[in-house]
PDB file of all heavy atoms in Angstrom:
ATOM      1  N   ARG A   1       0.839  -1.212   0.015  1.00  0.00           N
ATOM      2  CA  ARG A   1       0.005   0.026   0.008  1.00  0.00           C
ATOM      3  C   ARG A   1       0.864   1.252  -0.008  1.00  0.00           C
ATOM      4  O   ARG A   1       1.940   1.319   0.644  1.00  0.00           O
ATOM      5  CB  ARG A   1      -0.891   0.010   1.253  1.00  0.00           C
ATOM      6  CG  ARG A   1      -1.854  -1.113   1.247  1.00  0.00           C
ATOM      7  CD  ARG A   1      -2.901  -0.940   2.341  1.00  0.00           C
ATOM      8  NE  ARG A   1      -3.702  -2.096   2.476  1.00  0.00           N
ATOM      9  CZ  ARG A   1      -3.671  -2.920   3.517  1.00  0.00           C
ATOM     10  NH1 ARG A   1      -2.875  -2.663   4.519  1.00  0.00           N
ATOM     11  NH2 ARG A   1      -4.419  -4.022   3.516  1.00  0.00           N
ATOM     12  N   PHE A   2       0.364   2.249  -0.701  1.00  0.00           N
ATOM     13  CA  PHE A   2       1.016   3.564  -0.768  1.00  0.00           C
ATOM     14  C   PHE A   2       0.027   4.596  -0.283  1.00  0.00           C
ATOM     15  O   PHE A   2      -1.040   4.724  -0.803  1.00  0.00           O
ATOM     16  CB  PHE A   2       1.444   3.868  -2.196  1.00  0.00           C
ATOM     17  CG  PHE A   2       2.395   2.845  -2.771  1.00  0.00           C
ATOM     18  CD1 PHE A   2       1.899   1.881  -3.581  1.00  0.00           C
ATOM     19  CD2 PHE A   2       3.728   2.946  -2.503  1.00  0.00           C
ATOM     20  CE1 PHE A   2       2.760   0.884  -4.117  1.00  0.00           C
ATOM     21  CE2 PHE A   2       4.599   1.969  -3.010  1.00  0.00           C
ATOM     22  CZ  PHE A   2       4.135   0.961  -3.825  1.00  0.00           C
ATOM     23  N   ASP A   3       0.428   5.320   0.771  1.00  0.00           N
ATOM     24  CA  ASP A   3      -0.460   6.365   1.327  1.00  0.00           C
ATOM     25  C   ASP A   3      -0.590   7.530   0.357  1.00  0.00           C
ATOM     26  O   ASP A   3       0.408   8.092  -0.074  1.00  0.00           O
ATOM     27  CB  ASP A   3       0.089   6.856   2.665  1.00  0.00           C
ATOM     28  CG  ASP A   3      -0.014   5.813   3.769  1.00  0.00           C
ATOM     29  OD1 ASP A   3      -0.859   4.924   3.654  1.00  0.00           O
ATOM     30  OD2 ASP A   3       0.755   5.961   4.754  1.00  0.00           O
ATOM     31  N   LEU A   4      -1.807   7.907   0.093  1.00  0.00           N
ATOM     32  CA  LEU A   4      -2.147   9.073  -0.704  1.00  0.00           C
ATOM     33  C   LEU A   4      -2.402  10.275   0.219  1.00  0.00           C
ATOM     34  O   LEU A   4      -2.196  11.426  -0.176  1.00  0.00           O
ATOM     35  CB  LEU A   4      -3.325   8.860  -1.629  1.00  0.00           C
ATOM     36  CG  LEU A   4      -3.162   7.690  -2.634  1.00  0.00           C
ATOM     37  CD1 LEU A   4      -4.404   7.439  -3.398  1.00  0.00           C
ATOM     38  CD2 LEU A   4      -1.947   7.927  -3.553  1.00  0.00           C
ATOM     39  N   SER A   5      -2.930   9.960   1.403  1.00  0.00           N
ATOM     40  CA  SER A   5      -3.153  10.988   2.476  1.00  0.00           C
ATOM     41  C   SER A   5      -3.207  10.238   3.773  1.00  0.00           C
ATOM     42  O   SER A   5      -2.935   9.030   3.845  1.00  0.00           O
ATOM     43  CB  SER A   5      -4.482  11.738   2.234  1.00  0.00           C
ATOM     44  OG  SER A   5      -5.592  10.892   2.445  1.00  0.00           O
ATOM     45  N   GLU A   6      -3.568  10.929   4.881  1.00  0.00           N
ATOM     46  CA  GLU A   6      -3.653  10.243   6.156  1.00  0.00           C
ATOM     47  C   GLU A   6      -4.761   9.179   6.227  1.00  0.00           C
ATOM     48  O   GLU A   6      -4.662   8.236   7.012  1.00  0.00           O
ATOM     49  CB  GLU A   6      -3.868  11.274   7.263  1.00  0.00           C
ATOM     50  CG  GLU A   6      -2.651  12.053   7.632  1.00  0.00           C
ATOM     51  CD  GLU A   6      -2.841  12.893   8.852  1.00  0.00           C
ATOM     52  OE1 GLU A   6      -3.681  12.550   9.679  1.00  0.00           O
ATOM     53  OE2 GLU A   6      -2.125  13.904   8.945  1.00  0.00           O
ATOM     54  N   THR A   7      -5.753   9.336   5.409  1.00  0.00           N
ATOM     55  CA  THR A   7      -6.905   8.423   5.484  1.00  0.00           C
ATOM     56  C   THR A   7      -7.145   7.597   4.209  1.00  0.00           C
ATOM     57  O   THR A   7      -8.017   6.737   4.153  1.00  0.00           O
ATOM     58  CB  THR A   7      -8.187   9.189   5.756  1.00  0.00           C
ATOM     59  OG1 THR A   7      -8.417  10.180   4.705  1.00  0.00           O
ATOM     60  CG2 THR A   7      -8.146   9.914   7.087  1.00  0.00           C
ATOM     61  N   LEU A   8      -6.356   7.818   3.167  1.00  0.00           N
ATOM     62  CA  LEU A   8      -6.557   7.161   1.861  1.00  0.00           C
ATOM     63  C   LEU A   8      -5.262   6.506   1.375  1.00  0.00           C
ATOM     64  O   LEU A   8      -4.224   7.145   1.497  1.00  0.00           O
ATOM     65  CB  LEU A   8      -7.056   8.201   0.849  1.00  0.00           C
ATOM     66  CG  LEU A   8      -7.524   7.696  -0.501  1.00  0.00           C
ATOM     67  CD1 LEU A   8      -8.766   6.840  -0.356  1.00  0.00           C
ATOM     68  CD2 LEU A   8      -7.789   8.846  -1.443  1.00  0.00           C
ATOM     69  N   ASP A   9      -5.391   5.301   0.846  1.00  0.00           N
ATOM     70  CA  ASP A   9      -4.236   4.646   0.267  1.00  0.00           C
ATOM     71  C   ASP A   9      -4.605   3.877  -0.972  1.00  0.00           C
ATOM     72  O   ASP A   9      -5.773   3.568  -1.221  1.00  0.00           O
ATOM     73  CB  ASP A   9      -3.531   3.725   1.287  1.00  0.00           C
ATOM     74  CG  ASP A   9      -4.360   2.527   1.728  1.00  0.00           C
ATOM     75  OD1 ASP A   9      -4.883   1.793   0.888  1.00  0.00           O
ATOM     76  OD2 ASP A   9      -4.502   2.325   2.947  1.00  0.00           O
ATOM     77  N   PHE A  10      -3.611   3.590  -1.785  1.00  0.00           N
ATOM     78  CA  PHE A  10      -3.755   2.791  -2.970  1.00  0.00           C
ATOM     79  C   PHE A  10      -2.813   1.629  -2.875  1.00  0.00           C
ATOM     80  O   PHE A  10      -1.712   1.741  -2.384  1.00  0.00           O
ATOM     81  CB  PHE A  10      -3.435   3.612  -4.256  1.00  0.00           C
ATOM     82  CG  PHE A  10      -3.387   2.793  -5.501  1.00  0.00           C
ATOM     83  CD1 PHE A  10      -4.577   2.417  -6.120  1.00  0.00           C
ATOM     84  CD2 PHE A  10      -2.203   2.365  -6.045  1.00  0.00           C
ATOM     85  CE1 PHE A  10      -4.556   1.629  -7.281  1.00  0.00           C
ATOM     86  CE2 PHE A  10      -2.175   1.572  -7.175  1.00  0.00           C
ATOM     87  CZ  PHE A  10      -3.355   1.197  -7.812  1.00  0.00           C
ATOM     88  N   GLY A  11      -3.201   0.441  -3.336  1.00  0.00           N
ATOM     89  CA  GLY A  11      -2.323  -0.712  -3.229  1.00  0.00           C
ATOM     90  C   GLY A  11      -2.603  -1.800  -4.190  1.00  0.00           C
ATOM     91  O   GLY A  11      -3.505  -1.748  -5.041  1.00  0.00           O
ATOM     92  N   LEU A  12      -1.810  -2.854  -4.037  1.00  0.00           N
ATOM     93  CA  LEU A  12      -1.963  -4.104  -4.802  1.00  0.00           C
ATOM     94  C   LEU A  12      -2.024  -5.231  -3.797  1.00  0.00           C
ATOM     95  O   LEU A  12      -1.263  -5.261  -2.818  1.00  0.00           O
ATOM     96  CB  LEU A  12      -0.781  -4.308  -5.748  1.00  0.00           C
ATOM     97  CG  LEU A  12      -0.637  -3.273  -6.834  1.00  0.00           C
ATOM     98  CD1 LEU A  12       0.677  -3.528  -7.594  1.00  0.00           C
ATOM     99  CD2 LEU A  12      -1.802  -3.354  -7.848  1.00  0.00           C
ATOM    100  N   ALA A  13      -2.993  -6.163  -4.058  1.00  0.00           N
ATOM    101  CA  ALA A  13      -3.085  -7.341  -3.183  1.00  0.00           C
ATOM    102  C   ALA A  13      -2.887  -8.580  -4.010  1.00  0.00           C
ATOM    103  O   ALA A  13      -3.305  -8.632  -5.155  1.00  0.00           O
ATOM    104  CB  ALA A  13      -4.471  -7.366  -2.527  1.00  0.00           C
ATOM    105  N   GLY A  14      -2.222  -9.572  -3.426  1.00  0.00           N
ATOM    106  CA  GLY A  14      -2.004 -10.808  -4.150  1.00  0.00           C
ATOM    107  C   GLY A  14      -2.051 -11.987  -3.215  1.00  0.00           C
ATOM    108  O   GLY A  14      -1.686 -11.908  -2.038  1.00  0.00           O
ATOM    109  N   THR A  15      -2.525 -13.108  -3.701  1.00  0.00           N
ATOM    110  CA  THR A  15      -2.626 -14.351  -2.912  1.00  0.00           C
ATOM    111  C   THR A  15      -2.288 -15.531  -3.814  1.00  0.00           C
ATOM    112  O   THR A  15      -2.667 -15.516  -5.005  1.00  0.00           O
ATOM    113  CB  THR A  15      -4.057 -14.539  -2.360  1.00  0.00           C
ATOM    114  OG1 THR A  15      -4.457 -13.383  -1.687  1.00  0.00           O
ATOM    115  CG2 THR A  15      -4.159 -15.732  -1.501  1.00  0.00           C
ATOM    116  N   VAL A  16      -1.564 -16.482  -3.288  1.00  0.00           N
ATOM    117  CA  VAL A  16      -1.299 -17.724  -4.003  1.00  0.00           C
ATOM    118  C   VAL A  16      -1.664 -18.890  -3.077  1.00  0.00           C
ATOM    119  O   VAL A  16      -1.399 -18.878  -1.916  1.00  0.00           O
ATOM    120  CB  VAL A  16       0.210 -17.804  -4.445  1.00  0.00           C
ATOM    121  CG1 VAL A  16       1.144 -17.792  -3.275  1.00  0.00           C
ATOM    122  CG2 VAL A  16       0.433 -19.010  -5.316  1.00  0.00           C
ATOM    123  N   ARG A  17      -2.309 -19.873  -3.694  1.00  0.00           N
ATOM    124  CA  ARG A  17      -2.680 -21.113  -2.980  1.00  0.00           C
ATOM    125  C   ARG A  17      -1.901 -22.257  -3.564  1.00  0.00           C
ATOM    126  O   ARG A  17      -1.868 -22.457  -4.789  1.00  0.00           O
ATOM    127  CB  ARG A  17      -4.146 -21.399  -3.078  1.00  0.00           C
ATOM    128  CG  ARG A  17      -4.557 -22.705  -2.385  1.00  0.00           C
ATOM    129  CD  ARG A  17      -5.986 -23.087  -2.692  1.00  0.00           C
ATOM    130  NE  ARG A  17      -6.115 -23.392  -4.097  1.00  0.00           N
ATOM    131  CZ  ARG A  17      -7.283 -23.586  -4.697  1.00  0.00           C
ATOM    132  NH1 ARG A  17      -8.390 -23.451  -4.041  1.00  0.00           N
ATOM    133  NH2 ARG A  17      -7.307 -23.888  -5.970  1.00  0.00           N
ATOM    134  N   GLN A  18      -1.229 -23.018  -2.713  1.00  0.00           N
ATOM    135  CA  GLN A  18      -0.495 -24.156  -3.100  1.00  0.00           C
ATOM    136  C   GLN A  18      -1.199 -25.436  -2.584  1.00  0.00           C
ATOM    137  O   GLN A  18      -1.506 -25.521  -1.420  1.00  0.00           O
ATOM    138  CB  GLN A  18       0.931 -24.158  -2.547  1.00  0.00           C
ATOM    139  CG  GLN A  18       1.729 -25.388  -2.780  1.00  0.00           C
ATOM    140  CD  GLN A  18       2.959 -25.435  -1.916  1.00  0.00           C
ATOM    141  OE1 GLN A  18       3.074 -24.738  -0.928  1.00  0.00           O
ATOM    142  NE2 GLN A  18       3.865 -26.299  -2.291  1.00  0.00           N
ATOM    143  N   ASN A  19      -1.513 -26.326  -3.505  1.00  0.00           N
ATOM    144  CA  ASN A  19      -2.149 -27.569  -3.070  1.00  0.00           C
ATOM    145  C   ASN A  19      -1.121 -28.527  -2.450  1.00  0.00           C
ATOM    146  O   ASN A  19       0.088 -28.381  -2.721  1.00  0.00           O
ATOM    147  CB  ASN A  19      -2.807 -28.296  -4.276  1.00  0.00           C
ATOM    148  CG  ASN A  19      -4.098 -27.597  -4.663  1.00  0.00           C
ATOM    149  OD1 ASN A  19      -4.615 -26.763  -3.957  1.00  0.00           O
ATOM    150  ND2 ASN A  19      -4.586 -27.957  -5.837  1.00  0.00           N
ATOM    151  N   PRO A  20      -1.560 -29.447  -1.583  1.00  0.00           N
ATOM    152  CA  PRO A  20      -0.627 -30.411  -0.974  1.00  0.00           C
ATOM    153  C   PRO A  20       0.258 -31.080  -2.052  1.00  0.00           C
ATOM    154  O   PRO A  20      -0.229 -31.461  -3.103  1.00  0.00           O
ATOM    155  CB  PRO A  20      -1.505 -31.366  -0.272  1.00  0.00           C
ATOM    156  CG  PRO A  20      -2.781 -30.611   0.030  1.00  0.00           C
ATOM    157  CD  PRO A  20      -2.933 -29.699  -1.141  1.00  0.00           C
ATOM    158  N   GLY A  21       1.505 -31.175  -1.781  1.00  0.00           N
ATOM    159  CA  GLY A  21       2.431 -31.730  -2.722  1.00  0.00           C
ATOM    160  C   GLY A  21       3.116 -30.703  -3.621  1.00  0.00           C
ATOM    161  O   GLY A  21       4.080 -31.017  -4.278  1.00  0.00           O
ATOM    162  N   GLY A  22       2.586 -29.501  -3.638  1.00  0.00           N
ATOM    163  CA  GLY A  22       3.222 -28.422  -4.365  1.00  0.00           C
ATOM    164  C   GLY A  22       3.096 -28.511  -5.868  1.00  0.00           C
ATOM    165  O   GLY A  22       3.866 -27.900  -6.603  1.00  0.00           O
ATOM    166  N   ARG A  23       2.165 -29.285  -6.401  1.00  0.00           N
ATOM    167  CA  ARG A  23       2.082 -29.464  -7.845  1.00  0.00           C
ATOM    168  C   ARG A  23       1.028 -28.606  -8.530  1.00  0.00           C
ATOM    169  O   ARG A  23       0.985 -28.549  -9.749  1.00  0.00           O
ATOM    170  CB  ARG A  23       1.835 -30.944  -8.154  1.00  0.00           C
ATOM    171  CG  ARG A  23       2.935 -31.828  -7.623  1.00  0.00           C
ATOM    172  CD  ARG A  23       3.024 -33.083  -8.451  1.00  0.00           C
ATOM    173  NE  ARG A  23       4.023 -33.971  -7.916  1.00  0.00           N
ATOM    174  CZ  ARG A  23       5.271 -34.007  -8.331  1.00  0.00           C
ATOM    175  NH1 ARG A  23       5.670 -33.179  -9.243  1.00  0.00           N
ATOM    176  NH2 ARG A  23       6.108 -34.860  -7.801  1.00  0.00           N
ATOM    177  N   ALA A  24       0.168 -27.943  -7.735  1.00  0.00           N
ATOM    178  CA  ALA A  24      -0.887 -27.112  -8.329  1.00  0.00           C
ATOM    179  C   ALA A  24      -0.949 -25.803  -7.561  1.00  0.00           C
ATOM    180  O   ALA A  24      -0.931 -25.765  -6.345  1.00  0.00           O
ATOM    181  CB  ALA A  24      -2.246 -27.833  -8.299  1.00  0.00           C
ATOM    182  N   TYR A  25      -1.107 -24.748  -8.317  1.00  0.00           N
ATOM    183  CA  TYR A  25      -1.154 -23.393  -7.718  1.00  0.00           C
ATOM    184  C   TYR A  25      -2.371 -22.630  -8.275  1.00  0.00           C
ATOM    185  O   TYR A  25      -2.803 -22.858  -9.400  1.00  0.00           O
ATOM    186  CB  TYR A  25       0.097 -22.576  -8.043  1.00  0.00           C
ATOM    187  CG  TYR A  25       1.345 -23.127  -7.451  1.00  0.00           C
ATOM    188  CD1 TYR A  25       2.118 -24.043  -8.125  1.00  0.00           C
ATOM    189  CD2 TYR A  25       1.750 -22.727  -6.173  1.00  0.00           C
ATOM    190  CE1 TYR A  25       3.259 -24.575  -7.545  1.00  0.00           C
ATOM    191  CE2 TYR A  25       2.921 -23.234  -5.593  1.00  0.00           C
ATOM    192  CZ  TYR A  25       3.650 -24.146  -6.295  1.00  0.00           C
ATOM    193  OH  TYR A  25       4.785 -24.653  -5.696  1.00  0.00           O
ATOM    194  N   ALA A  26      -2.941 -21.755  -7.457  1.00  0.00           N
ATOM    195  CA  ALA A  26      -3.981 -20.837  -7.879  1.00  0.00           C
ATOM    196  C   ALA A  26      -3.611 -19.472  -7.459  1.00  0.00           C
ATOM    197  O   ALA A  26      -3.014 -19.268  -6.369  1.00  0.00           O
ATOM    198  CB  ALA A  26      -5.335 -21.255  -7.292  1.00  0.00           C
ATOM    199  N   TRP A  27      -3.934 -18.430  -8.241  1.00  0.00           N
ATOM    200  CA  TRP A  27      -3.534 -17.072  -7.985  1.00  0.00           C
ATOM    201  C   TRP A  27      -4.706 -16.138  -7.929  1.00  0.00           C
ATOM    202  O   TRP A  27      -5.732 -16.380  -8.572  1.00  0.00           O
ATOM    203  CB  TRP A  27      -2.630 -16.579  -9.111  1.00  0.00           C
ATOM    204  CG  TRP A  27      -1.468 -17.435  -9.379  1.00  0.00           C
ATOM    205  CD1 TRP A  27      -1.437 -18.499 -10.203  1.00  0.00           C
ATOM    206  CD2 TRP A  27      -0.162 -17.309  -8.838  1.00  0.00           C
ATOM    207  NE1 TRP A  27      -0.155 -19.043 -10.219  1.00  0.00           N
ATOM    208  CE2 TRP A  27       0.630 -18.332  -9.407  1.00  0.00           C
ATOM    209  CE3 TRP A  27       0.437 -16.411  -7.957  1.00  0.00           C
ATOM    210  CZ2 TRP A  27       1.960 -18.471  -9.072  1.00  0.00           C
ATOM    211  CZ3 TRP A  27       1.752 -16.545  -7.656  1.00  0.00           C
ATOM    212  CH2 TRP A  27       2.512 -17.594  -8.172  1.00  0.00           C
ATOM    213  N   SER A  28      -4.612 -15.062  -7.141  1.00  0.00           N
ATOM    214  CA  SER A  28      -5.575 -13.967  -7.223  1.00  0.00           C
ATOM    215  C   SER A  28      -4.818 -12.680  -6.956  1.00  0.00           C
ATOM    216  O   SER A  28      -3.759 -12.679  -6.274  1.00  0.00           O
ATOM    217  CB  SER A  28      -6.694 -14.124  -6.196  1.00  0.00           C
ATOM    218  OG  SER A  28      -6.186 -13.876  -4.875  1.00  0.00           O
ATOM    219  N   GLY A  29      -5.314 -11.583  -7.515  1.00  0.00           N
ATOM    220  CA  GLY A  29      -4.619 -10.365  -7.301  1.00  0.00           C
ATOM    221  C   GLY A  29      -5.211  -9.234  -8.092  1.00  0.00           C
ATOM    222  O   GLY A  29      -5.885  -9.437  -9.115  1.00  0.00           O
ATOM    223  N   GLY A  30      -4.962  -8.042  -7.577  1.00  0.00           N
ATOM    224  CA  GLY A  30      -5.441  -6.831  -8.288  1.00  0.00           C
ATOM    225  C   GLY A  30      -5.291  -5.600  -7.412  1.00  0.00           C
ATOM    226  O   GLY A  30      -4.735  -5.644  -6.299  1.00  0.00           O
ATOM    227  N   PRO A  31      -5.777  -4.420  -7.916  1.00  0.00           N
ATOM    228  CA  PRO A  31      -5.603  -3.177  -7.226  1.00  0.00           C
ATOM    229  C   PRO A  31      -6.610  -3.000  -6.062  1.00  0.00           C
ATOM    230  O   PRO A  31      -7.715  -3.603  -6.123  1.00  0.00           O
ATOM    231  CB  PRO A  31      -5.839  -2.163  -8.313  1.00  0.00           C
ATOM    232  CG  PRO A  31      -6.770  -2.830  -9.273  1.00  0.00           C
ATOM    233  CD  PRO A  31      -6.381  -4.272  -9.233  1.00  0.00           C
ATOM    234  N   THR A  32      -6.272  -2.216  -5.094  1.00  0.00           N
ATOM    235  CA  THR A  32      -7.151  -1.906  -3.983  1.00  0.00           C
ATOM    236  C   THR A  32      -7.102  -0.411  -3.663  1.00  0.00           C
ATOM    237  O   THR A  32      -6.071   0.250  -3.908  1.00  0.00           O
ATOM    238  CB  THR A  32      -6.833  -2.646  -2.692  1.00  0.00           C
ATOM    239  OG1 THR A  32      -5.536  -2.313  -2.262  1.00  0.00           O
ATOM    240  CG2 THR A  32      -6.921  -4.181  -2.898  1.00  0.00           C
ATOM    241  N   LEU A  33      -8.180   0.102  -3.112  1.00  0.00           N
ATOM    242  CA  LEU A  33      -8.225   1.496  -2.634  1.00  0.00           C
ATOM    243  C   LEU A  33      -8.699   1.382  -1.192  1.00  0.00           C
ATOM    244  O   LEU A  33      -9.755   0.785  -0.911  1.00  0.00           O
ATOM    245  CB  LEU A  33      -9.155   2.286  -3.478  1.00  0.00           C
ATOM    246  CG  LEU A  33      -9.206   3.823  -3.242  1.00  0.00           C
ATOM    247  CD1 LEU A  33      -7.840   4.436  -3.560  1.00  0.00           C
ATOM    248  CD2 LEU A  33     -10.261   4.462  -4.081  1.00  0.00           C
ATOM    249  N   GLY A  34      -7.960   1.941  -0.248  1.00  0.00           N
ATOM    250  CA  GLY A  34      -8.307   1.850   1.160  1.00  0.00           C
ATOM    251  C   GLY A  34      -8.641   3.168   1.774  1.00  0.00           C
ATOM    252  O   GLY A  34      -8.073   4.223   1.421  1.00  0.00           O
ATOM    253  N   LEU A  35      -9.581   3.133   2.707  1.00  0.00           N
ATOM    254  CA  LEU A  35     -10.047   4.344   3.381  1.00  0.00           C
ATOM    255  C   LEU A  35     -10.140   4.070   4.866  1.00  0.00           C
ATOM    256  O   LEU A  35     -10.677   3.019   5.310  1.00  0.00           O
ATOM    257  CB  LEU A  35     -11.418   4.750   2.841  1.00  0.00           C
ATOM    258  CG  LEU A  35     -12.094   5.952   3.514  1.00  0.00           C
ATOM    259  CD1 LEU A  35     -11.343   7.238   3.252  1.00  0.00           C
ATOM    260  CD2 LEU A  35     -13.519   6.073   3.051  1.00  0.00           C
ATOM    261  N   SER A  36      -9.590   4.979   5.704  1.00  0.00           N
ATOM    262  CA  SER A  36      -9.735   4.870   7.131  1.00  0.00           C
ATOM    263  C   SER A  36     -10.488   6.080   7.640  1.00  0.00           C
ATOM    264  O   SER A  36      -9.913   7.107   7.963  1.00  0.00           O
ATOM    265  CB  SER A  36      -8.329   4.823   7.753  1.00  0.00           C
ATOM    266  OG  SER A  36      -8.416   4.650   9.155  1.00  0.00           O
ATOM    267  N   PRO A  37     -11.856   5.976   7.685  1.00  0.00           N
ATOM    268  CA  PRO A  37     -12.656   7.109   8.038  1.00  0.00           C
ATOM    269  C   PRO A  37     -12.518   7.579   9.500  1.00  0.00           C
ATOM    270  O   PRO A  37     -12.767   8.755   9.785  1.00  0.00           O
ATOM    271  CB  PRO A  37     -14.068   6.683   7.746  1.00  0.00           C
ATOM    272  CG  PRO A  37     -14.037   5.198   7.823  1.00  0.00           C
ATOM    273  CD  PRO A  37     -12.656   4.801   7.425  1.00  0.00           C
ATOM    274  N   MET A  38     -12.118   6.706  10.386  1.00  0.00           N
ATOM    275  CA  MET A  38     -11.872   7.061  11.801  1.00  0.00           C
ATOM    276  C   MET A  38     -10.904   6.048  12.399  1.00  0.00           C
ATOM    277  O   MET A  38     -10.590   5.061  11.782  1.00  0.00           O
ATOM    278  CB  MET A  38     -13.204   7.099  12.588  1.00  0.00           C
ATOM    279  CG  MET A  38     -13.971   5.810  12.614  1.00  0.00           C
ATOM    280  SD  MET A  38     -15.566   6.064  13.363  1.00  0.00           S
ATOM    281  CE  MET A  38     -16.476   4.775  12.648  1.00  0.00           C
ATOM    282  N   ASN A  39     -10.448   6.351  13.597  1.00  0.00           N
ATOM    283  CA  ASN A  39      -9.485   5.473  14.233  1.00  0.00           C
ATOM    284  C   ASN A  39      -9.997   4.016  14.316  1.00  0.00           C
ATOM    285  O   ASN A  39     -11.182   3.810  14.616  1.00  0.00           O
ATOM    286  CB  ASN A  39      -9.174   5.929  15.679  1.00  0.00           C
ATOM    287  CG  ASN A  39      -8.276   7.176  15.678  1.00  0.00           C
ATOM    288  OD1 ASN A  39      -7.593   7.437  14.682  1.00  0.00           O
ATOM    289  ND2 ASN A  39      -8.254   7.888  16.743  1.00  0.00           N
ATOM    290  N   ASN A  40      -9.104   3.101  14.104  1.00  0.00           N
ATOM    291  CA  ASN A  40      -9.349   1.645  14.240  1.00  0.00           C
ATOM    292  C   ASN A  40     -10.330   1.105  13.241  1.00  0.00           C
ATOM    293  O   ASN A  40     -10.982   0.084  13.554  1.00  0.00           O
ATOM    294  CB  ASN A  40      -9.765   1.329  15.661  1.00  0.00           C
ATOM    295  CG  ASN A  40      -8.678   1.702  16.665  1.00  0.00           C
ATOM    296  OD1 ASN A  40      -7.500   1.599  16.371  1.00  0.00           O
ATOM    297  ND2 ASN A  40      -9.108   2.189  17.828  1.00  0.00           N
TER     298      ASN A  40
END
């Protein structure tokens, strides 16, 4: 994630799943936009 301001960020998310034995993989990923409207 890259902060654009104190409450807004832009980023990339990615996930990889490995099946038992390590012979098959699945992927997901893409852009994200994050907002923190208040603490926590």
